[in-house]
Amino acid sequence: LVRRHGVRKLVLASRSGVTDQLAGLDAEVRVVAC
């Protein structure tokens, strides 16, 4: 979505709320435990 569709803000929701796979992505990424 960031590279192909130009999305610049993301909220990633998951049960753990943990990821280290998006470092360096040209976007504001917020990971939330939900």
PDB file of all heavy atoms in Angstrom:
ATOM      1  N   LEU A   1       0.827  -1.205   0.000  1.00  0.00           N
ATOM      2  CA  LEU A   1       0.000   0.000   0.000  1.00  0.00           C
ATOM      3  C   LEU A   1       0.864   1.259   0.000  1.00  0.00           C
ATOM      4  O   LEU A   1       0.519   2.262  -0.638  1.00  0.00           O
ATOM      5  CB  LEU A   1      -0.941   0.006   1.207  1.00  0.00           C
ATOM      6  CG  LEU A   1      -2.107  -0.991   1.172  1.00  0.00           C
ATOM      7  CD1 LEU A   1      -2.889  -0.928   2.477  1.00  0.00           C
ATOM      8  CD2 LEU A   1      -3.032  -0.712  -0.018  1.00  0.00           C
ATOM      9  N   VAL A   2       1.994   1.194   0.694  1.00  0.00           N
ATOM     10  CA  VAL A   2       2.895   2.352   0.736  1.00  0.00           C
ATOM     11  C   VAL A   2       3.593   2.530  -0.607  1.00  0.00           C
ATOM     12  O   VAL A   2       3.603   3.621  -1.185  1.00  0.00           O
ATOM     13  CB  VAL A   2       3.923   2.192   1.875  1.00  0.00           C
ATOM     14  CG1 VAL A   2       4.990   3.283   1.795  1.00  0.00           C
ATOM     15  CG2 VAL A   2       3.216   2.235   3.226  1.00  0.00           C
ATOM     16  N   ARG A   3       4.159   1.455  -1.141  1.00  0.00           N
ATOM     17  CA  ARG A   3       4.987   1.564  -2.342  1.00  0.00           C
ATOM     18  C   ARG A   3       4.170   1.668  -3.632  1.00  0.00           C
ATOM     19  O   ARG A   3       4.576   2.346  -4.578  1.00  0.00           O
ATOM     20  CB  ARG A   3       5.923   0.356  -2.406  1.00  0.00           C
ATOM     21  CG  ARG A   3       6.976   0.408  -1.301  1.00  0.00           C
ATOM     22  CD  ARG A   3       7.777  -0.858  -1.205  1.00  0.00           C
ATOM     23  NE  ARG A   3       8.812  -0.726  -0.161  1.00  0.00           N
ATOM     24  CZ  ARG A   3       9.335  -1.746   0.509  1.00  0.00           C
ATOM     25  NH1 ARG A   3       8.941  -2.964   0.233  1.00  0.00           N
ATOM     26  NH2 ARG A   3      10.253  -1.545   1.436  1.00  0.00           N
ATOM     27  N   ARG A   4       3.021   1.029  -3.648  1.00  0.00           N
ATOM     28  CA  ARG A   4       2.231   1.002  -4.890  1.00  0.00           C
ATOM     29  C   ARG A   4       1.111   2.038  -4.893  1.00  0.00           C
ATOM     30  O   ARG A   4       0.783   2.613  -5.932  1.00  0.00           O
ATOM     31  CB  ARG A   4       1.628  -0.406  -5.088  1.00  0.00           C
ATOM     32  CG  ARG A   4       0.743  -0.544  -6.304  1.00  0.00           C
ATOM     33  CD  ARG A   4       1.555  -0.505  -7.580  1.00  0.00           C
ATOM     34  NE  ARG A   4       0.717  -0.744  -8.751  1.00  0.00           N
ATOM     35  CZ  ARG A   4      -0.050   0.171  -9.337  1.00  0.00           C
ATOM     36  NH1 ARG A   4      -0.078   1.404  -8.849  1.00  0.00           N
ATOM     37  NH2 ARG A   4      -0.775  -0.126 -10.396  1.00  0.00           N
ATOM     38  N   HIS A   5       0.522   2.309  -3.722  1.00  0.00           N
ATOM     39  CA  HIS A   5      -0.658   3.160  -3.667  1.00  0.00           C
ATOM     40  C   HIS A   5      -0.423   4.488  -2.955  1.00  0.00           C
ATOM     41  O   HIS A   5      -1.364   5.270  -2.797  1.00  0.00           O
ATOM     42  CB  HIS A   5      -1.818   2.409  -2.998  1.00  0.00           C
ATOM     43  CG  HIS A   5      -2.273   1.204  -3.780  1.00  0.00           C
ATOM     44  ND1 HIS A   5      -3.207   1.286  -4.785  1.00  0.00           N
ATOM     45  CD2 HIS A   5      -1.892  -0.099  -3.716  1.00  0.00           C
ATOM     46  CE1 HIS A   5      -3.401   0.065  -5.304  1.00  0.00           C
ATOM     47  NE2 HIS A   5      -2.607  -0.783  -4.668  1.00  0.00           N
ATOM     48  N   GLY A   6       0.796   4.733  -2.515  1.00  0.00           N
ATOM     49  CA  GLY A   6       1.121   6.026  -1.941  1.00  0.00           C
ATOM     50  C   GLY A   6       0.559   6.288  -0.565  1.00  0.00           C
ATOM     51  O   GLY A   6       0.491   7.442  -0.120  1.00  0.00           O
ATOM     52  N   VAL A   7       0.159   5.245   0.159  1.00  0.00           N
ATOM     53  CA  VAL A   7      -0.342   5.421   1.523  1.00  0.00           C
ATOM     54  C   VAL A   7       0.812   5.856   2.423  1.00  0.00           C
ATOM     55  O   VAL A   7       1.911   5.293   2.355  1.00  0.00           O
ATOM     56  CB  VAL A   7      -0.975   4.112   2.045  1.00  0.00           C
ATOM     57  CG1 VAL A   7      -1.341   4.239   3.513  1.00  0.00           C
ATOM     58  CG2 VAL A   7      -2.195   3.750   1.205  1.00  0.00           C
ATOM     59  N   ARG A   8       0.554   6.864   3.248  1.00  0.00           N
ATOM     60  CA  ARG A   8       1.623   7.404   4.094  1.00  0.00           C
ATOM     61  C   ARG A   8       1.382   7.223   5.583  1.00  0.00           C
ATOM     62  O   ARG A   8       2.251   7.498   6.395  1.00  0.00           O
ATOM     63  CB  ARG A   8       1.813   8.903   3.787  1.00  0.00           C
ATOM     64  CG  ARG A   8       2.451   9.164   2.429  1.00  0.00           C
ATOM     65  CD  ARG A   8       3.897   8.656   2.414  1.00  0.00           C
ATOM     66  NE  ARG A   8       4.483   8.640   1.081  1.00  0.00           N
ATOM     67  CZ  ARG A   8       4.563   7.573   0.310  1.00  0.00           C
ATOM     68  NH1 ARG A   8       4.079   6.409   0.740  1.00  0.00           N
ATOM     69  NH2 ARG A   8       5.122   7.621  -0.888  1.00  0.00           N
ATOM     70  N   LYS A   9       0.198   6.759   5.951  1.00  0.00           N
ATOM     71  CA  LYS A   9      -0.095   6.532   7.360  1.00  0.00           C
ATOM     72  C   LYS A   9      -0.809   5.192   7.509  1.00  0.00           C
ATOM     73  O   LYS A   9      -1.812   4.931   6.837  1.00  0.00           O
ATOM     74  CB  LYS A   9      -0.971   7.655   7.921  1.00  0.00           C
ATOM     75  CG  LYS A   9      -0.289   9.018   7.962  1.00  0.00           C
ATOM     76  CD  LYS A   9      -1.219  10.070   8.552  1.00  0.00           C
ATOM     77  CE  LYS A   9      -0.556  11.441   8.549  1.00  0.00           C
ATOM     78  NZ  LYS A   9      -1.469  12.487   9.080  1.00  0.00           N
ATOM     79  N   LEU A  10      -0.285   4.357   8.386  1.00  0.00           N
ATOM     80  CA  LEU A  10      -0.838   3.025   8.601  1.00  0.00           C
ATOM     81  C   LEU A  10      -1.032   2.759  10.085  1.00  0.00           C
ATOM     82  O   LEU A  10      -0.204   3.172  10.910  1.00  0.00           O
ATOM     83  CB  LEU A  10       0.099   1.949   8.034  1.00  0.00           C
ATOM     84  CG  LEU A  10       0.269   1.869   6.515  1.00  0.00           C
ATOM     85  CD1 LEU A  10       1.497   1.026   6.185  1.00  0.00           C
ATOM     86  CD2 LEU A  10      -0.969   1.256   5.874  1.00  0.00           C
ATOM     87  N   VAL A  11      -2.107   2.082  10.407  1.00  0.00           N
ATOM     88  CA  VAL A  11      -2.287   1.536  11.747  1.00  0.00           C
ATOM     89  C   VAL A  11      -2.416   0.029  11.583  1.00  0.00           C
ATOM     90  O   VAL A  11      -3.328  -0.456  10.899  1.00  0.00           O
ATOM     91  CB  VAL A  11      -3.531   2.103  12.445  1.00  0.00           C
ATOM     92  CG1 VAL A  11      -3.785   1.359  13.751  1.00  0.00           C
ATOM     93  CG2 VAL A  11      -3.353   3.596  12.720  1.00  0.00           C
ATOM     94  N   LEU A  12      -1.486  -0.699  12.171  1.00  0.00           N
ATOM     95  CA  LEU A  12      -1.497  -2.160  12.094  1.00  0.00           C
ATOM     96  C   LEU A  12      -1.992  -2.708  13.418  1.00  0.00           C
ATOM     97  O   LEU A  12      -1.368  -2.494  14.464  1.00  0.00           O
ATOM     98  CB  LEU A  12      -0.096  -2.703  11.795  1.00  0.00           C
ATOM     99  CG  LEU A  12       0.644  -2.080  10.603  1.00  0.00           C
ATOM    100  CD1 LEU A  12       1.977  -2.790  10.386  1.00  0.00           C
ATOM    101  CD2 LEU A  12      -0.202  -2.140   9.336  1.00  0.00           C
ATOM    102  N   ALA A  13      -3.114  -3.392  13.387  1.00  0.00           N
ATOM    103  CA  ALA A  13      -3.706  -3.942  14.605  1.00  0.00           C
ATOM    104  C   ALA A  13      -3.524  -5.450  14.635  1.00  0.00           C
ATOM    105  O   ALA A  13      -3.749  -6.140  13.640  1.00  0.00           O
ATOM    106  CB  ALA A  13      -5.190  -3.591  14.672  1.00  0.00           C
ATOM    107  N   SER A  14      -3.096  -5.946  15.784  1.00  0.00           N
ATOM    108  CA  SER A  14      -2.951  -7.388  15.961  1.00  0.00           C
ATOM    109  C   SER A  14      -3.066  -7.699  17.447  1.00  0.00           C
ATOM    110  O   SER A  14      -3.054  -6.791  18.284  1.00  0.00           O
ATOM    111  CB  SER A  14      -1.605  -7.885  15.423  1.00  0.00           C
ATOM    112  OG  SER A  14      -0.547  -7.401  16.229  1.00  0.00           O
ATOM    113  N   ARG A  15      -3.169  -8.970  17.755  1.00  0.00           N
ATOM    114  CA  ARG A  15      -3.287  -9.336  19.168  1.00  0.00           C
ATOM    115  C   ARG A  15      -2.018  -9.016  19.947  1.00  0.00           C
ATOM    116  O   ARG A  15      -2.058  -8.592  21.089  1.00  0.00           O
ATOM    117  CB  ARG A  15      -3.607 -10.834  19.290  1.00  0.00           C
ATOM    118  CG  ARG A  15      -5.067 -11.149  19.034  1.00  0.00           C
ATOM    119  CD  ARG A  15      -5.327 -12.636  18.970  1.00  0.00           C
ATOM    120  NE  ARG A  15      -4.675 -13.260  17.821  1.00  0.00           N
ATOM    121  CZ  ARG A  15      -4.767 -14.537  17.501  1.00  0.00           C
ATOM    122  NH1 ARG A  15      -5.481 -15.346  18.284  1.00  0.00           N
ATOM    123  NH2 ARG A  15      -4.168 -15.029  16.444  1.00  0.00           N
ATOM    124  N   SER A  16      -0.868  -9.159  19.301  1.00  0.00           N
ATOM    125  CA  SER A  16       0.395  -8.904  20.014  1.00  0.00           C
ATOM    126  C   SER A  16       0.818  -7.452  19.911  1.00  0.00           C
ATOM    127  O   SER A  16       1.437  -6.901  20.822  1.00  0.00           O
ATOM    128  CB  SER A  16       1.506  -9.789  19.434  1.00  0.00           C
ATOM    129  OG  SER A  16       1.772  -9.422  18.085  1.00  0.00           O
ATOM    130  N   GLY A  17       0.487  -6.806  18.801  1.00  0.00           N
ATOM    131  CA  GLY A  17       0.903  -5.418  18.624  1.00  0.00           C
ATOM    132  C   GLY A  17       2.399  -5.261  18.485  1.00  0.00           C
ATOM    133  O   GLY A  17       2.960  -4.224  18.832  1.00  0.00           O
ATOM    134  N   VAL A  18       3.065  -6.287  17.978  1.00  0.00           N
ATOM    135  CA  VAL A  18       4.524  -6.243  17.868  1.00  0.00           C
ATOM    136  C   VAL A  18       4.938  -6.640  16.459  1.00  0.00           C
ATOM    137  O   VAL A  18       4.462  -7.631  15.914  1.00  0.00           O
ATOM    138  CB  VAL A  18       5.185  -7.208  18.883  1.00  0.00           C
ATOM    139  CG1 VAL A  18       6.687  -7.214  18.686  1.00  0.00           C
ATOM    140  CG2 VAL A  18       4.824  -6.817  20.304  1.00  0.00           C
ATOM    141  N   THR A  19       5.808  -5.844  15.860  1.00  0.00           N
ATOM    142  CA  THR A  19       6.453  -6.221  14.602  1.00  0.00           C
ATOM    143  C   THR A  19       7.693  -5.368  14.413  1.00  0.00           C
ATOM    144  O   THR A  19       7.741  -4.221  14.831  1.00  0.00           O
ATOM    145  CB  THR A  19       5.517  -6.038  13.389  1.00  0.00           C
ATOM    146  OG1 THR A  19       6.166  -6.562  12.228  1.00  0.00           O
ATOM    147  CG2 THR A  19       5.179  -4.568  13.143  1.00  0.00           C
ATOM    148  N   ASP A  20       8.717  -5.964  13.821  1.00  0.00           N
ATOM    149  CA  ASP A  20       9.933  -5.194  13.524  1.00  0.00           C
ATOM    150  C   ASP A  20      10.252  -5.323  12.028  1.00  0.00           C
ATOM    151  O   ASP A  20      11.367  -5.084  11.593  1.00  0.00           O
ATOM    152  CB  ASP A  20      11.110  -5.708  14.355  1.00  0.00           C
ATOM    153  CG  ASP A  20      11.361  -7.195  14.161  1.00  0.00           C
ATOM    154  OD1 ASP A  20      10.608  -7.831  13.379  1.00  0.00           O
ATOM    155  OD2 ASP A  20      12.293  -7.722  14.785  1.00  0.00           O
ATOM    156  N   GLN A  21       9.232  -5.663  11.233  1.00  0.00           N
ATOM    157  CA  GLN A  21       9.467  -5.951   9.818  1.00  0.00           C
ATOM    158  C   GLN A  21       9.279  -4.750   8.904  1.00  0.00           C
ATOM    159  O   GLN A  21       9.506  -4.865   7.706  1.00  0.00           O
ATOM    160  CB  GLN A  21       8.522  -7.078   9.363  1.00  0.00           C
ATOM    161  CG  GLN A  21       8.683  -8.372  10.163  1.00  0.00           C
ATOM    162  CD  GLN A  21       7.679  -9.416   9.722  1.00  0.00           C
ATOM    163  OE1 GLN A  21       7.741  -9.906   8.592  1.00  0.00           O
ATOM    164  NE2 GLN A  21       6.747  -9.766  10.589  1.00  0.00           N
ATOM    165  N   LEU A  22       8.850  -3.617   9.450  1.00  0.00           N
ATOM    166  CA  LEU A  22       8.550  -2.478   8.604  1.00  0.00           C
ATOM    167  C   LEU A  22       9.498  -1.301   8.825  1.00  0.00           C
ATOM    168  O   LEU A  22       9.184  -0.169   8.467  1.00  0.00           O
ATOM    169  CB  LEU A  22       7.100  -2.029   8.826  1.00  0.00           C
ATOM    170  CG  LEU A  22       6.037  -3.038   8.379  1.00  0.00           C
ATOM    171  CD1 LEU A  22       4.655  -2.606   8.819  1.00  0.00           C
ATOM    172  CD2 LEU A  22       6.071  -3.228   6.869  1.00  0.00           C
ATOM    173  N   ALA A  23      10.625  -1.588   9.424  1.00  0.00           N
ATOM    174  CA  ALA A  23      11.609  -0.520   9.636  1.00  0.00           C
ATOM    175  C   ALA A  23      12.091   0.007   8.289  1.00  0.00           C
ATOM    176  O   ALA A  23      12.341  -0.748   7.352  1.00  0.00           O
ATOM    177  CB  ALA A  23      12.781  -1.055  10.450  1.00  0.00           C
ATOM    178  N   GLY A  24      12.208   1.318   8.190  1.00  0.00           N
ATOM    179  CA  GLY A  24      12.703   1.923   6.962  1.00  0.00           C
ATOM    180  C   GLY A  24      11.645   2.173   5.920  1.00  0.00           C
ATOM    181  O   GLY A  24      11.933   2.717   4.851  1.00  0.00           O
ATOM    182  N   LEU A  25      10.391   1.782   6.206  1.00  0.00           N
ATOM    183  CA  LEU A  25       9.314   2.024   5.261  1.00  0.00           C
ATOM    184  C   LEU A  25       8.983   3.518   5.257  1.00  0.00           C
ATOM    185  O   LEU A  25       8.888   4.152   6.308  1.00  0.00           O
ATOM    186  CB  LEU A  25       8.084   1.213   5.655  1.00  0.00           C
ATOM    187  CG  LEU A  25       6.972   1.061   4.611  1.00  0.00           C
ATOM    188  CD1 LEU A  25       7.483   0.333   3.382  1.00  0.00           C
ATOM    189  CD2 LEU A  25       5.788   0.307   5.217  1.00  0.00           C
ATOM    190  N   ASP A  26       8.809   4.077   4.074  1.00  0.00           N
ATOM    191  CA  ASP A  26       8.564   5.510   3.939  1.00  0.00           C
ATOM    192  C   ASP A  26       7.110   5.837   4.271  1.00  0.00           C
ATOM    193  O   ASP A  26       6.312   6.227   3.425  1.00  0.00           O
ATOM    194  CB  ASP A  26       8.897   5.969   2.518  1.00  0.00           C
ATOM    195  CG  ASP A  26       8.760   7.485   2.361  1.00  0.00           C
ATOM    196  OD1 ASP A  26       8.797   8.187   3.400  1.00  0.00           O
ATOM    197  OD2 ASP A  26       8.601   7.945   1.216  1.00  0.00           O
ATOM    198  N   ALA A  27       6.772   5.658   5.538  1.00  0.00           N
ATOM    199  CA  ALA A  27       5.409   5.920   5.989  1.00  0.00           C
ATOM    200  C   ALA A  27       5.395   5.997   7.508  1.00  0.00           C
ATOM    201  O   ALA A  27       6.305   5.497   8.181  1.00  0.00           O
ATOM    202  CB  ALA A  27       4.456   4.824   5.509  1.00  0.00           C
ATOM    203  N   GLU A  28       4.362   6.614   8.025  1.00  0.00           N
ATOM    204  CA  GLU A  28       4.156   6.654   9.473  1.00  0.00           C
ATOM    205  C   GLU A  28       3.359   5.418   9.862  1.00  0.00           C
ATOM    206  O   GLU A  28       2.195   5.272   9.497  1.00  0.00           O
ATOM    207  CB  GLU A  28       3.389   7.929   9.834  1.00  0.00           C
ATOM    208  CG  GLU A  28       3.074   8.087  11.306  1.00  0.00           C
ATOM    209  CD  GLU A  28       2.194   9.297  11.578  1.00  0.00           C
ATOM    210  OE1 GLU A  28       2.418  10.341  10.926  1.00  0.00           O
ATOM    211  OE2 GLU A  28       1.281   9.198  12.417  1.00  0.00           O
ATOM    212  N   VAL A  29       3.993   4.524  10.595  1.00  0.00           N
ATOM    213  CA  VAL A  29       3.371   3.238  10.931  1.00  0.00           C
ATOM    214  C   VAL A  29       3.176   3.155  12.439  1.00  0.00           C
ATOM    215  O   VAL A  29       4.128   3.310  13.210  1.00  0.00           O
ATOM    216  CB  VAL A  29       4.230   2.055  10.457  1.00  0.00           C
ATOM    217  CG1 VAL A  29       3.540   0.731  10.805  1.00  0.00           C
ATOM    218  CG2 VAL A  29       4.483   2.145   8.956  1.00  0.00           C
ATOM    219  N   ARG A  30       1.943   2.908  12.843  1.00  0.00           N
ATOM    220  CA  ARG A  30       1.637   2.719  14.263  1.00  0.00           C
ATOM    221  C   ARG A  30       1.128   1.294  14.448  1.00  0.00           C
ATOM    222  O   ARG A  30       0.187   0.859  13.779  1.00  0.00           O
ATOM    223  CB  ARG A  30       0.586   3.729  14.716  1.00  0.00           C
ATOM    224  CG  ARG A  30       0.246   3.642  16.196  1.00  0.00           C
ATOM    225  CD  ARG A  30      -0.387   4.951  16.693  1.00  0.00           C
ATOM    226  NE  ARG A  30      -1.627   5.267  16.023  1.00  0.00           N
ATOM    227  CZ  ARG A  30      -2.845   5.003  16.537  1.00  0.00           C
ATOM    228  NH1 ARG A  30      -2.946   4.407  17.717  1.00  0.00           N
ATOM    229  NH2 ARG A  30      -3.933   5.346  15.865  1.00  0.00           N
ATOM    230  N   VAL A  31       1.780   0.558  15.337  1.00  0.00           N
ATOM    231  CA  VAL A  31       1.393  -0.826  15.624  1.00  0.00           C
ATOM    232  C   VAL A  31       0.650  -0.845  16.954  1.00  0.00           C
ATOM    233  O   VAL A  31       1.145  -0.339  17.965  1.00  0.00           O
ATOM    234  CB  VAL A  31       2.627  -1.747  15.672  1.00  0.00           C
ATOM    235  CG1 VAL A  31       2.197  -3.173  15.946  1.00  0.00           C
ATOM    236  CG2 VAL A  31       3.395  -1.659  14.362  1.00  0.00           C
ATOM    237  N   VAL A  32      -0.558  -1.414  16.932  1.00  0.00           N
ATOM    238  CA  VAL A  32      -1.440  -1.365  18.100  1.00  0.00           C
ATOM    239  C   VAL A  32      -1.879  -2.776  18.465  1.00  0.00           C
ATOM    240  O   VAL A  32      -2.258  -3.566  17.593  1.00  0.00           O
ATOM    241  CB  VAL A  32      -2.688  -0.505  17.797  1.00  0.00           C
ATOM    242  CG1 VAL A  32      -3.612  -0.468  19.008  1.00  0.00           C
ATOM    243  CG2 VAL A  32      -2.283   0.904  17.388  1.00  0.00           C
ATOM    244  N   ALA A  33      -1.818  -3.079  19.756  1.00  0.00           N
ATOM    245  CA  ALA A  33      -2.352  -4.352  20.239  1.00  0.00           C
ATOM    246  C   ALA A  33      -3.857  -4.208  20.400  1.00  0.00           C
ATOM    247  O   ALA A  33      -4.329  -3.350  21.152  1.00  0.00           O
ATOM    248  CB  ALA A  33      -1.713  -4.725  21.569  1.00  0.00           C
ATOM    249  N   CYS A  34      -4.615  -5.001  19.665  1.00  0.00           N
ATOM    250  CA  CYS A  34      -6.080  -4.919  19.741  1.00  0.00           C
ATOM    251  C   CYS A  34      -6.670  -6.279  19.406  1.00  0.00           C
ATOM    252  O   CYS A  34      -6.374  -6.857  18.353  1.00  0.00           O
ATOM    253  CB  CYS A  34      -6.621  -3.861  18.776  1.00  0.00           C
ATOM    254  SG  CYS A  34      -8.429  -3.732  18.768  1.00  0.00           S
TER     255      CYS A  34
END
